[in-house]
Amino acid sequence: MDDDNQIHVPPSFMAVYSDARGRLTEQSDAVRTRYELCEDLAGHLVEHAQTLYHVQAPSESEILRRIHAGLCTAESGVSVAEATWIVTRLAELLVWQCPELAPAKDATASD
């Protein structure tokens, strides 16, 4: 990802699209596009997570697990690996401790 594009894709997201040897499994433009989508989604979920915390009062960890479960469905448009990255990033943005995120048992989104 050393081309002229000014968007910096962090190593944590690059890992979502890298094989065991650290090589990208998708074209760099596609990875950058997916990163922008996932970063935007994490940012948009901040207010939603805060609202859930103040209205329903479950724990921060439970809110993050519920959001992750929702993102792990095929209908979400993101892969399970992307869902995990999004929720991890969401926890960073909220300054919440990110819980262990296991894929939903029914998850049919491709990884």
PDB file of N, CA and C in Angstrom:
ATOM      1  N   MET A   1       0.821  -1.184   0.000  1.00  0.00           N
ATOM      2  CA  MET A   1       0.000   0.000   0.000  1.00  0.00           C
ATOM      3  C   MET A   1       0.866   1.249   0.000  1.00  0.00           C
ATOM      4  N   ASP A   2       1.902   1.250  -0.798  1.00  0.00           N
ATOM      5  CA  ASP A   2       2.830   2.363  -0.845  1.00  0.00           C
ATOM      6  C   ASP A   2       2.549   3.309  -2.000  1.00  0.00           C
ATOM      7  N   ASP A   3       1.346   3.244  -2.603  1.00  0.00           N
ATOM      8  CA  ASP A   3       1.044   4.119  -3.725  1.00  0.00           C
ATOM      9  C   ASP A   3       0.734   5.522  -3.231  1.00  0.00           C
ATOM     10  N   ASP A   4       0.243   6.368  -4.118  1.00  0.00           N
ATOM     11  CA  ASP A   4       0.043   7.780  -3.817  1.00  0.00           C
ATOM     12  C   ASP A   4      -1.208   8.098  -3.016  1.00  0.00           C
ATOM     13  N   ASN A   5      -2.021   7.124  -2.693  1.00  0.00           N
ATOM     14  CA  ASN A   5      -3.234   7.375  -1.923  1.00  0.00           C
ATOM     15  C   ASN A   5      -2.860   7.846  -0.530  1.00  0.00           C
ATOM     16  N   GLN A   6      -3.572   8.845  -0.029  1.00  0.00           N
ATOM     17  CA  GLN A   6      -3.240   9.435   1.264  1.00  0.00           C
ATOM     18  C   GLN A   6      -3.891   8.729   2.445  1.00  0.00           C
ATOM     19  N   ILE A   7      -4.759   7.776   2.182  1.00  0.00           N
ATOM     20  CA  ILE A   7      -5.402   7.046   3.272  1.00  0.00           C
ATOM     21  C   ILE A   7      -4.444   5.988   3.793  1.00  0.00           C
ATOM     22  N   HIS A   8      -4.162   6.071   5.086  1.00  0.00           N
ATOM     23  CA  HIS A   8      -3.277   5.094   5.728  1.00  0.00           C
ATOM     24  C   HIS A   8      -4.129   3.966   6.309  1.00  0.00           C
ATOM     25  N   VAL A   9      -3.904   2.762   5.820  1.00  0.00           N
ATOM     26  CA  VAL A   9      -4.611   1.600   6.359  1.00  0.00           C
ATOM     27  C   VAL A   9      -3.740   1.032   7.469  1.00  0.00           C
ATOM     28  N   PRO A  10      -4.247   0.977   8.700  1.00  0.00           N
ATOM     29  CA  PRO A  10      -3.422   0.505   9.822  1.00  0.00           C
ATOM     30  C   PRO A  10      -3.115  -0.987   9.712  1.00  0.00           C
ATOM     31  N   PRO A  11      -1.996  -1.386  10.313  1.00  0.00           N
ATOM     32  CA  PRO A  11      -1.614  -2.806  10.288  1.00  0.00           C
ATOM     33  C   PRO A  11      -2.692  -3.734  10.834  1.00  0.00           C
ATOM     34  N   SER A  12      -3.463  -3.270  11.810  1.00  0.00           N
ATOM     35  CA  SER A  12      -4.518  -4.119  12.375  1.00  0.00           C
ATOM     36  C   SER A  12      -5.559  -4.479  11.320  1.00  0.00           C
ATOM     37  N   PHE A  13      -5.854  -3.555  10.416  1.00  0.00           N
ATOM     38  CA  PHE A  13      -6.810  -3.872   9.348  1.00  0.00           C
ATOM     39  C   PHE A  13      -6.126  -4.654   8.234  1.00  0.00           C
ATOM     40  N   MET A  14      -4.889  -4.342   7.934  1.00  0.00           N
ATOM     41  CA  MET A  14      -4.145  -5.095   6.915  1.00  0.00           C
ATOM     42  C   MET A  14      -4.123  -6.578   7.279  1.00  0.00           C
ATOM     43  N   ALA A  15      -4.050  -6.874   8.572  1.00  0.00           N
ATOM     44  CA  ALA A  15      -4.015  -8.268   9.030  1.00  0.00           C
ATOM     45  C   ALA A  15      -5.289  -9.015   8.667  1.00  0.00           C
ATOM     46  N   VAL A  16      -6.413  -8.305   8.574  1.00  0.00           N
ATOM     47  CA  VAL A  16      -7.688  -8.928   8.196  1.00  0.00           C
ATOM     48  C   VAL A  16      -7.581  -9.521   6.792  1.00  0.00           C
ATOM     49  N   TYR A  17      -6.790  -8.881   5.944  1.00  0.00           N
ATOM     50  CA  TYR A  17      -6.655  -9.303   4.551  1.00  0.00           C
ATOM     51  C   TYR A  17      -5.256  -9.839   4.225  1.00  0.00           C
ATOM     52  N   SER A  18      -4.580 -10.372   5.207  1.00  0.00           N
ATOM     53  CA  SER A  18      -3.248 -10.923   4.984  1.00  0.00           C
ATOM     54  C   SER A  18      -3.226 -12.407   5.288  1.00  0.00           C
ATOM     55  N   ASP A  19      -2.385 -13.126   4.550  1.00  0.00           N
ATOM     56  CA  ASP A  19      -2.238 -14.553   4.816  1.00  0.00           C
ATOM     57  C   ASP A  19      -1.203 -14.758   5.922  1.00  0.00           C
ATOM     58  N   ALA A  20      -0.892 -15.996   6.213  1.00  0.00           N
ATOM     59  CA  ALA A  20       0.031 -16.321   7.308  1.00  0.00           C
ATOM     60  C   ALA A  20       1.422 -15.716   7.094  1.00  0.00           C
ATOM     61  N   ARG A  21       1.781 -15.465   5.854  1.00  0.00           N
ATOM     62  CA  ARG A  21       3.087 -14.876   5.551  1.00  0.00           C
ATOM     63  C   ARG A  21       3.045 -13.350   5.495  1.00  0.00           C
ATOM     64  N   GLY A  22       1.876 -12.769   5.763  1.00  0.00           N
ATOM     65  CA  GLY A  22       1.736 -11.327   5.768  1.00  0.00           C
ATOM     66  C   GLY A  22       1.466 -10.724   4.395  1.00  0.00           C
ATOM     67  N   ARG A  23       1.172 -11.556   3.393  1.00  0.00           N
ATOM     68  CA  ARG A  23       0.875 -11.054   2.053  1.00  0.00           C
ATOM     69  C   ARG A  23      -0.619 -10.773   1.939  1.00  0.00           C
ATOM     70  N   LEU A  24      -0.947  -9.689   1.244  1.00  0.00           N
ATOM     71  CA  LEU A  24      -2.358  -9.347   1.045  1.00  0.00           C
ATOM     72  C   LEU A  24      -3.054 -10.420   0.222  1.00  0.00           C
ATOM     73  N   THR A  25      -4.280 -10.735   0.615  1.00  0.00           N
ATOM     74  CA  THR A  25      -5.081 -11.719  -0.111  1.00  0.00           C
ATOM     75  C   THR A  25      -6.039 -11.041  -1.085  1.00  0.00           C
ATOM     76  N   GLU A  26      -6.087  -9.718  -1.070  1.00  0.00           N
ATOM     77  CA  GLU A  26      -6.920  -8.921  -1.973  1.00  0.00           C
ATOM     78  C   GLU A  26      -6.068  -7.793  -2.537  1.00  0.00           C
ATOM     79  N   GLN A  27      -6.542  -7.178  -3.599  1.00  0.00           N
ATOM     80  CA  GLN A  27      -5.863  -6.014  -4.170  1.00  0.00           C
ATOM     81  C   GLN A  27      -5.848  -4.873  -3.151  1.00  0.00           C
ATOM     82  N   SER A  28      -4.782  -4.084  -3.157  1.00  0.00           N
ATOM     83  CA  SER A  28      -4.648  -3.013  -2.170  1.00  0.00           C
ATOM     84  C   SER A  28      -5.787  -2.000  -2.255  1.00  0.00           C
ATOM     85  N   ASP A  29      -6.276  -1.707  -3.466  1.00  0.00           N
ATOM     86  CA  ASP A  29      -7.407  -0.775  -3.595  1.00  0.00           C
ATOM     87  C   ASP A  29      -8.651  -1.326  -2.917  1.00  0.00           C
ATOM     88  N   ALA A  30      -8.884  -2.622  -3.057  1.00  0.00           N
ATOM     89  CA  ALA A  30     -10.046  -3.250  -2.428  1.00  0.00           C
ATOM     90  C   ALA A  30      -9.917  -3.216  -0.907  1.00  0.00           C
ATOM     91  N   VAL A  31      -8.714  -3.470  -0.402  1.00  0.00           N
ATOM     92  CA  VAL A  31      -8.477  -3.434   1.047  1.00  0.00           C
ATOM     93  C   VAL A  31      -8.698  -2.018   1.568  1.00  0.00           C
ATOM     94  N   ARG A  32      -8.207  -1.038   0.846  1.00  0.00           N
ATOM     95  CA  ARG A  32      -8.384   0.355   1.256  1.00  0.00           C
ATOM     96  C   ARG A  32      -9.873   0.734   1.280  1.00  0.00           C
ATOM     97  N   THR A  33     -10.597   0.307   0.283  1.00  0.00           N
ATOM     98  CA  THR A  33     -12.036   0.588   0.229  1.00  0.00           C
ATOM     99  C   THR A  33     -12.769  -0.056   1.400  1.00  0.00           C
ATOM    100  N   ARG A  34     -12.441  -1.323   1.693  1.00  0.00           N
ATOM    101  CA  ARG A  34     -13.068  -2.021   2.819  1.00  0.00           C
ATOM    102  C   ARG A  34     -12.687  -1.346   4.135  1.00  0.00           C
ATOM    103  N   TYR A  35     -11.420  -0.893   4.256  1.00  0.00           N
ATOM    104  CA  TYR A  35     -10.986  -0.197   5.472  1.00  0.00           C
ATOM    105  C   TYR A  35     -11.814   1.072   5.684  1.00  0.00           C
ATOM    106  N   GLU A  36     -11.986   1.859   4.621  1.00  0.00           N
ATOM    107  CA  GLU A  36     -12.761   3.092   4.741  1.00  0.00           C
ATOM    108  C   GLU A  36     -14.183   2.785   5.209  1.00  0.00           C
ATOM    109  N   LEU A  37     -14.793   1.761   4.644  1.00  0.00           N
ATOM    110  CA  LEU A  37     -16.142   1.365   5.038  1.00  0.00           C
ATOM    111  C   LEU A  37     -16.178   0.952   6.514  1.00  0.00           C
ATOM    112  N   CYS A  38     -15.239   0.105   6.911  1.00  0.00           N
ATOM    113  CA  CYS A  38     -15.224  -0.401   8.294  1.00  0.00           C
ATOM    114  C   CYS A  38     -14.909   0.700   9.295  1.00  0.00           C
ATOM    115  N   GLU A  39     -13.997   1.595   8.964  1.00  0.00           N
ATOM    116  CA  GLU A  39     -13.667   2.717   9.851  1.00  0.00           C
ATOM    117  C   GLU A  39     -14.881   3.638   9.997  1.00  0.00           C
ATOM    118  N   ASP A  40     -15.542   3.923   8.883  1.00  0.00           N
ATOM    119  CA  ASP A  40     -16.750   4.759   8.942  1.00  0.00           C
ATOM    120  C   ASP A  40     -17.833   4.099   9.784  1.00  0.00           C
ATOM    121  N   LEU A  41     -18.023   2.800   9.600  1.00  0.00           N
ATOM    122  CA  LEU A  41     -19.042   2.080  10.368  1.00  0.00           C
ATOM    123  C   LEU A  41     -18.727   2.121  11.861  1.00  0.00           C
ATOM    124  N   ALA A  42     -17.469   1.915  12.223  1.00  0.00           N
ATOM    125  CA  ALA A  42     -17.082   1.991  13.636  1.00  0.00           C
ATOM    126  C   ALA A  42     -17.398   3.371  14.200  1.00  0.00           C
ATOM    127  N   GLY A  43     -17.087   4.404  13.431  1.00  0.00           N
ATOM    128  CA  GLY A  43     -17.372   5.770  13.875  1.00  0.00           C
ATOM    129  C   GLY A  43     -18.855   6.021  14.049  1.00  0.00           C
ATOM    130  N   HIS A  44     -19.652   5.508  13.124  1.00  0.00           N
ATOM    131  CA  HIS A  44     -21.106   5.686  13.221  1.00  0.00           C
ATOM    132  C   HIS A  44     -21.709   4.911  14.386  1.00  0.00           C
ATOM    133  N   LEU A  45     -21.078   3.827  14.775  1.00  0.00           N
ATOM    134  CA  LEU A  45     -21.613   3.004  15.863  1.00  0.00           C
ATOM    135  C   LEU A  45     -21.331   3.575  17.250  1.00  0.00           C
ATOM    136  N   VAL A  46     -20.467   4.570  17.339  1.00  0.00           N
ATOM    137  CA  VAL A  46     -20.133   5.162  18.644  1.00  0.00           C
ATOM    138  C   VAL A  46     -21.389   5.686  19.337  1.00  0.00           C
ATOM    139  N   GLU A  47     -22.148   6.512  18.649  1.00  0.00           N
ATOM    140  CA  GLU A  47     -23.354   7.095  19.263  1.00  0.00           C
ATOM    141  C   GLU A  47     -24.370   6.015  19.615  1.00  0.00           C
ATOM    142  N   HIS A  48     -24.526   5.025  18.733  1.00  0.00           N
ATOM    143  CA  HIS A  48     -25.457   3.924  18.989  1.00  0.00           C
ATOM    144  C   HIS A  48     -25.061   3.166  20.267  1.00  0.00           C
ATOM    145  N   ALA A  49     -23.777   2.857  20.404  1.00  0.00           N
ATOM    146  CA  ALA A  49     -23.304   2.129  21.588  1.00  0.00           C
ATOM    147  C   ALA A  49     -23.493   2.962  22.858  1.00  0.00           C
ATOM    148  N   GLN A  50     -23.220   4.244  22.773  1.00  0.00           N
ATOM    149  CA  GLN A  50     -23.415   5.116  23.936  1.00  0.00           C
ATOM    150  C   GLN A  50     -24.883   5.196  24.324  1.00  0.00           C
ATOM    151  N   THR A  51     -25.759   5.256  23.337  1.00  0.00           N
ATOM    152  CA  THR A  51     -27.199   5.291  23.616  1.00  0.00           C
ATOM    153  C   THR A  51     -27.631   4.004  24.297  1.00  0.00           C
ATOM    154  N   LEU A  52     -27.186   2.862  23.764  1.00  0.00           N
ATOM    155  CA  LEU A  52     -27.520   1.582  24.393  1.00  0.00           C
ATOM    156  C   LEU A  52     -27.043   1.547  25.841  1.00  0.00           C
ATOM    157  N   TYR A  53     -25.865   2.059  26.082  1.00  0.00           N
ATOM    158  CA  TYR A  53     -25.301   2.040  27.432  1.00  0.00           C
ATOM    159  C   TYR A  53     -26.148   2.870  28.398  1.00  0.00           C
ATOM    160  N   HIS A  54     -26.628   4.008  27.941  1.00  0.00           N
ATOM    161  CA  HIS A  54     -27.394   4.891  28.827  1.00  0.00           C
ATOM    162  C   HIS A  54     -28.869   4.523  28.928  1.00  0.00           C
ATOM    163  N   VAL A  55     -29.418   3.889  27.908  1.00  0.00           N
ATOM    164  CA  VAL A  55     -30.836   3.549  27.900  1.00  0.00           C
ATOM    165  C   VAL A  55     -31.075   2.158  28.486  1.00  0.00           C
ATOM    166  N   GLN A  56     -30.348   1.171  27.991  1.00  0.00           N
ATOM    167  CA  GLN A  56     -30.566  -0.206  28.438  1.00  0.00           C
ATOM    168  C   GLN A  56     -29.691  -0.578  29.624  1.00  0.00           C
ATOM    169  N   ALA A  57     -28.619   0.151  29.839  1.00  0.00           N
ATOM    170  CA  ALA A  57     -27.688  -0.046  30.951  1.00  0.00           C
ATOM    171  C   ALA A  57     -27.075  -1.435  31.061  1.00  0.00           C
ATOM    172  N   PRO A  58     -26.904  -2.177  29.941  1.00  0.00           N
ATOM    173  CA  PRO A  58     -26.111  -3.396  30.065  1.00  0.00           C
ATOM    174  C   PRO A  58     -24.637  -2.989  30.164  1.00  0.00           C
ATOM    175  N   SER A  59     -23.789  -3.919  30.349  1.00  0.00           N
ATOM    176  CA  SER A  59     -22.370  -3.600  30.478  1.00  0.00           C
ATOM    177  C   SER A  59     -21.782  -3.203  29.118  1.00  0.00           C
ATOM    178  N   GLU A  60     -20.676  -2.509  29.160  1.00  0.00           N
ATOM    179  CA  GLU A  60     -19.966  -2.141  27.933  1.00  0.00           C
ATOM    180  C   GLU A  60     -19.645  -3.387  27.125  1.00  0.00           C
ATOM    181  N   SER A  61     -19.163  -4.424  27.788  1.00  0.00           N
ATOM    182  CA  SER A  61     -18.801  -5.666  27.107  1.00  0.00           C
ATOM    183  C   SER A  61     -20.002  -6.299  26.423  1.00  0.00           C
ATOM    184  N   GLU A  62     -21.141  -6.283  27.092  1.00  0.00           N
ATOM    185  CA  GLU A  62     -22.344  -6.877  26.503  1.00  0.00           C
ATOM    186  C   GLU A  62     -22.794  -6.100  25.269  1.00  0.00           C
ATOM    187  N   ILE A  63     -22.717  -4.794  25.321  1.00  0.00           N
ATOM    188  CA  ILE A  63     -23.080  -3.977  24.163  1.00  0.00           C
ATOM    189  C   ILE A  63     -22.170  -4.313  22.990  1.00  0.00           C
ATOM    190  N   LEU A  64     -20.876  -4.391  23.235  1.00  0.00           N
ATOM    191  CA  LEU A  64     -19.932  -4.709  22.162  1.00  0.00           C
ATOM    192  C   LEU A  64     -20.174  -6.108  21.609  1.00  0.00           C
ATOM    193  N   ARG A  65     -20.482  -7.057  22.478  1.00  0.00           N
ATOM    194  CA  ARG A  65     -20.780  -8.427  22.010  1.00  0.00           C
ATOM    195  C   ARG A  65     -22.041  -8.450  21.142  1.00  0.00           C
ATOM    196  N   ARG A  66     -23.059  -7.699  21.541  1.00  0.00           N
ATOM    197  CA  ARG A  66     -24.309  -7.654  20.770  1.00  0.00           C
ATOM    198  C   ARG A  66     -24.081  -7.022  19.398  1.00  0.00           C
ATOM    199  N   ILE A  67     -23.336  -5.943  19.360  1.00  0.00           N
ATOM    200  CA  ILE A  67     -23.028  -5.294  18.080  1.00  0.00           C
ATOM    201  C   ILE A  67     -22.234  -6.256  17.202  1.00  0.00           C
ATOM    202  N   HIS A  68     -21.274  -6.948  17.795  1.00  0.00           N
ATOM    203  CA  HIS A  68     -20.482  -7.927  17.044  1.00  0.00           C
ATOM    204  C   HIS A  68     -21.373  -9.022  16.476  1.00  0.00           C
ATOM    205  N   ALA A  69     -22.288  -9.535  17.283  1.00  0.00           N
ATOM    206  CA  ALA A  69     -23.192 -10.590  16.814  1.00  0.00           C
ATOM    207  C   ALA A  69     -24.022 -10.090  15.628  1.00  0.00           C
ATOM    208  N   GLY A  70     -24.482  -8.868  15.700  1.00  0.00           N
ATOM    209  CA  GLY A  70     -25.244  -8.309  14.590  1.00  0.00           C
ATOM    210  C   GLY A  70     -24.413  -8.154  13.329  1.00  0.00           C
ATOM    211  N   LEU A  71     -23.165  -7.741  13.501  1.00  0.00           N
ATOM    212  CA  LEU A  71     -22.284  -7.574  12.343  1.00  0.00           C
ATOM    213  C   LEU A  71     -21.843  -8.906  11.751  1.00  0.00           C
ATOM    214  N   CYS A  72     -21.925  -9.967  12.518  1.00  0.00           N
ATOM    215  CA  CYS A  72     -21.511 -11.288  12.036  1.00  0.00           C
ATOM    216  C   CYS A  72     -22.569 -11.965  11.169  1.00  0.00           C
ATOM    217  N   THR A  73     -23.703 -11.324  10.980  1.00  0.00           N
ATOM    218  CA  THR A  73     -24.732 -11.905  10.115  1.00  0.00           C
ATOM    219  C   THR A  73     -24.416 -11.579   8.659  1.00  0.00           C
ATOM    220  N   ALA A  74     -24.887 -12.425   7.763  1.00  0.00           N
ATOM    221  CA  ALA A  74     -24.645 -12.216   6.334  1.00  0.00           C
ATOM    222  C   ALA A  74     -25.240 -10.893   5.862  1.00  0.00           C
ATOM    223  N   GLU A  75     -26.339 -10.485   6.471  1.00  0.00           N
ATOM    224  CA  GLU A  75     -27.023  -9.262   6.069  1.00  0.00           C
ATOM    225  C   GLU A  75     -26.233  -7.994   6.364  1.00  0.00           C
ATOM    226  N   SER A  76     -25.252  -8.063   7.219  1.00  0.00           N
ATOM    227  CA  SER A  76     -24.509  -6.863   7.607  1.00  0.00           C
ATOM    228  C   SER A  76     -23.634  -6.329   6.487  1.00  0.00           C
ATOM    229  N   GLY A  77     -23.219  -7.186   5.588  1.00  0.00           N
ATOM    230  CA  GLY A  77     -22.358  -6.754   4.490  1.00  0.00           C
ATOM    231  C   GLY A  77     -20.882  -6.741   4.809  1.00  0.00           C
ATOM    232  N   VAL A  78     -20.521  -7.217   6.004  1.00  0.00           N
ATOM    233  CA  VAL A  78     -19.104  -7.321   6.363  1.00  0.00           C
ATOM    234  C   VAL A  78     -18.792  -8.760   6.748  1.00  0.00           C
ATOM    235  N   SER A  79     -17.539  -9.142   6.605  1.00  0.00           N
ATOM    236  CA  SER A  79     -17.120 -10.488   6.997  1.00  0.00           C
ATOM    237  C   SER A  79     -16.987 -10.572   8.516  1.00  0.00           C
ATOM    238  N   VAL A  80     -16.873 -11.761   9.018  1.00  0.00           N
ATOM    239  CA  VAL A  80     -16.687 -11.952  10.464  1.00  0.00           C
ATOM    240  C   VAL A  80     -15.382 -11.288  10.910  1.00  0.00           C
ATOM    241  N   ALA A  81     -14.334 -11.423  10.110  1.00  0.00           N
ATOM    242  CA  ALA A  81     -13.056 -10.786  10.464  1.00  0.00           C
ATOM    243  C   ALA A  81     -13.200  -9.265  10.490  1.00  0.00           C
ATOM    244  N   GLU A  82     -13.926  -8.714   9.518  1.00  0.00           N
ATOM    245  CA  GLU A  82     -14.162  -7.269   9.520  1.00  0.00           C
ATOM    246  C   GLU A  82     -15.021  -6.864  10.709  1.00  0.00           C
ATOM    247  N   ALA A  83     -16.026  -7.663  11.040  1.00  0.00           N
ATOM    248  CA  ALA A  83     -16.887  -7.379  12.188  1.00  0.00           C
ATOM    249  C   ALA A  83     -16.059  -7.298  13.464  1.00  0.00           C
ATOM    250  N   THR A  84     -15.139  -8.215  13.613  1.00  0.00           N
ATOM    251  CA  THR A  84     -14.271  -8.216  14.797  1.00  0.00           C
ATOM    252  C   THR A  84     -13.404  -6.967  14.822  1.00  0.00           C
ATOM    253  N   TRP A  85     -12.858  -6.585  13.670  1.00  0.00           N
ATOM    254  CA  TRP A  85     -12.044  -5.377  13.602  1.00  0.00           C
ATOM    255  C   TRP A  85     -12.893  -4.153  13.939  1.00  0.00           C
ATOM    256  N   ILE A  86     -14.095  -4.068  13.375  1.00  0.00           N
ATOM    257  CA  ILE A  86     -14.989  -2.920  13.610  1.00  0.00           C
ATOM    258  C   ILE A  86     -15.294  -2.771  15.099  1.00  0.00           C
ATOM    259  N   VAL A  87     -15.621  -3.864  15.766  1.00  0.00           N
ATOM    260  CA  VAL A  87     -15.978  -3.785  17.188  1.00  0.00           C
ATOM    261  C   VAL A  87     -14.740  -3.476  18.031  1.00  0.00           C
ATOM    262  N   THR A  88     -13.598  -4.006  17.653  1.00  0.00           N
ATOM    263  CA  THR A  88     -12.357  -3.669  18.360  1.00  0.00           C
ATOM    264  C   THR A  88     -12.063  -2.180  18.209  1.00  0.00           C
ATOM    265  N   ARG A  89     -12.245  -1.662  17.010  1.00  0.00           N
ATOM    266  CA  ARG A  89     -12.042  -0.232  16.761  1.00  0.00           C
ATOM    267  C   ARG A  89     -13.084   0.599  17.511  1.00  0.00           C
ATOM    268  N   LEU A  90     -14.320   0.130  17.537  1.00  0.00           N
ATOM    269  CA  LEU A  90     -15.379   0.806  18.284  1.00  0.00           C
ATOM    270  C   LEU A  90     -15.009   0.914  19.760  1.00  0.00           C
ATOM    271  N   ALA A  91     -14.506  -0.167  20.318  1.00  0.00           N
ATOM    272  CA  ALA A  91     -14.080  -0.144  21.727  1.00  0.00           C
ATOM    273  C   ALA A  91     -12.974   0.892  21.935  1.00  0.00           C
ATOM    274  N   GLU A  92     -12.029   0.979  20.984  1.00  0.00           N
ATOM    275  CA  GLU A  92     -10.972   1.990  21.082  1.00  0.00           C
ATOM    276  C   GLU A  92     -11.564   3.397  21.068  1.00  0.00           C
ATOM    277  N   LEU A  93     -12.500   3.641  20.148  1.00  0.00           N
ATOM    278  CA  LEU A  93     -13.109   4.968  20.036  1.00  0.00           C
ATOM    279  C   LEU A  93     -13.889   5.348  21.294  1.00  0.00           C
ATOM    280  N   LEU A  94     -14.517   4.361  21.918  1.00  0.00           N
ATOM    281  CA  LEU A  94     -15.295   4.596  23.135  1.00  0.00           C
ATOM    282  C   LEU A  94     -14.434   4.585  24.394  1.00  0.00           C
ATOM    283  N   VAL A  95     -13.207   4.145  24.260  1.00  0.00           N
ATOM    284  CA  VAL A  95     -12.290   3.935  25.383  1.00  0.00           C
ATOM    285  C   VAL A  95     -12.914   2.935  26.360  1.00  0.00           C
ATOM    286  N   TRP A  96     -13.431   1.835  25.792  1.00  0.00           N
ATOM    287  CA  TRP A  96     -13.988   0.719  26.545  1.00  0.00           C
ATOM    288  C   TRP A  96     -13.066  -0.476  26.373  1.00  0.00           C
ATOM    289  N   GLN A  97     -13.058  -1.341  27.354  1.00  0.00           N
ATOM    290  CA  GLN A  97     -12.307  -2.593  27.257  1.00  0.00           C
ATOM    291  C   GLN A  97     -13.033  -3.511  26.270  1.00  0.00           C
ATOM    292  N   CYS A  98     -12.326  -4.004  25.274  1.00  0.00           N
ATOM    293  CA  CYS A  98     -12.955  -4.889  24.295  1.00  0.00           C
ATOM    294  C   CYS A  98     -12.964  -6.318  24.836  1.00  0.00           C
ATOM    295  N   PRO A  99     -14.138  -6.949  24.862  1.00  0.00           N
ATOM    296  CA  PRO A  99     -14.218  -8.327  25.352  1.00  0.00           C
ATOM    297  C   PRO A  99     -13.716  -9.301  24.297  1.00  0.00           C
ATOM    298  N   GLU A 100     -13.595 -10.549  24.679  1.00  0.00           N
ATOM    299  CA  GLU A 100     -13.304 -11.614  23.717  1.00  0.00           C
ATOM    300  C   GLU A 100     -14.483 -11.688  22.759  1.00  0.00           C
ATOM    301  N   LEU A 101     -14.206 -11.652  21.465  1.00  0.00           N
ATOM    302  CA  LEU A 101     -15.275 -11.658  20.469  1.00  0.00           C
ATOM    303  C   LEU A 101     -15.251 -12.965  19.697  1.00  0.00           C
ATOM    304  N   ALA A 102     -16.244 -13.784  19.960  1.00  0.00           N
ATOM    305  CA  ALA A 102     -16.371 -15.055  19.248  1.00  0.00           C
ATOM    306  C   ALA A 102     -17.408 -14.881  18.160  1.00  0.00           C
ATOM    307  N   PRO A 103     -17.176 -15.475  16.986  1.00  0.00           N
ATOM    308  CA  PRO A 103     -18.190 -15.372  15.937  1.00  0.00           C
ATOM    309  C   PRO A 103     -19.492 -16.011  16.387  1.00  0.00           C
ATOM    310  N   ALA A 104     -20.589 -15.442  15.954  1.00  0.00           N
ATOM    311  CA  ALA A 104     -21.900 -16.006  16.291  1.00  0.00           C
ATOM    312  C   ALA A 104     -22.001 -17.417  15.743  1.00  0.00           C
ATOM    313  N   LYS A 105     -22.665 -18.257  16.466  1.00  0.00           N
ATOM    314  CA  LYS A 105     -22.800 -19.671  16.050  1.00  0.00           C
ATOM    315  C   LYS A 105     -23.475 -19.805  14.689  1.00  0.00           C
ATOM    316  N   ASP A 106     -24.393 -18.899  14.360  1.00  0.00           N
ATOM    317  CA  ASP A 106     -25.119 -18.959  13.103  1.00  0.00           C
ATOM    318  C   ASP A 106     -24.457 -18.132  12.003  1.00  0.00           C
ATOM    319  N   ALA A 107     -23.305 -17.546  12.276  1.00  0.00           N
ATOM    320  CA  ALA A 107     -22.700 -16.635  11.314  1.00  0.00           C
ATOM    321  C   ALA A 107     -22.491 -17.292   9.969  1.00  0.00           C
ATOM    322  N   THR A 108     -23.042 -16.675   8.954  1.00  0.00           N
ATOM    323  CA  THR A 108     -22.873 -17.186   7.608  1.00  0.00           C
ATOM    324  C   THR A 108     -22.064 -16.227   6.752  1.00  0.00           C
ATOM    325  N   ALA A 109     -21.661 -15.099   7.340  1.00  0.00           N
ATOM    326  CA  ALA A 109     -20.825 -14.155   6.595  1.00  0.00           C
ATOM    327  C   ALA A 109     -19.471 -14.807   6.361  1.00  0.00           C
ATOM    328  N   SER A 110     -18.940 -14.610   5.194  1.00  0.00           N
ATOM    329  CA  SER A 110     -17.654 -15.246   4.878  1.00  0.00           C
ATOM    330  C   SER A 110     -16.534 -14.541   5.617  1.00  0.00           C
ATOM    331  N   ASP A 111     -15.512 -15.279   5.916  1.00  0.00           N
ATOM    332  CA  ASP A 111     -14.378 -14.748   6.670  1.00  0.00           C
ATOM    333  C   ASP A 111     -13.237 -14.468   5.806  1.00  0.00           C
TER     334      ASP A 111
END
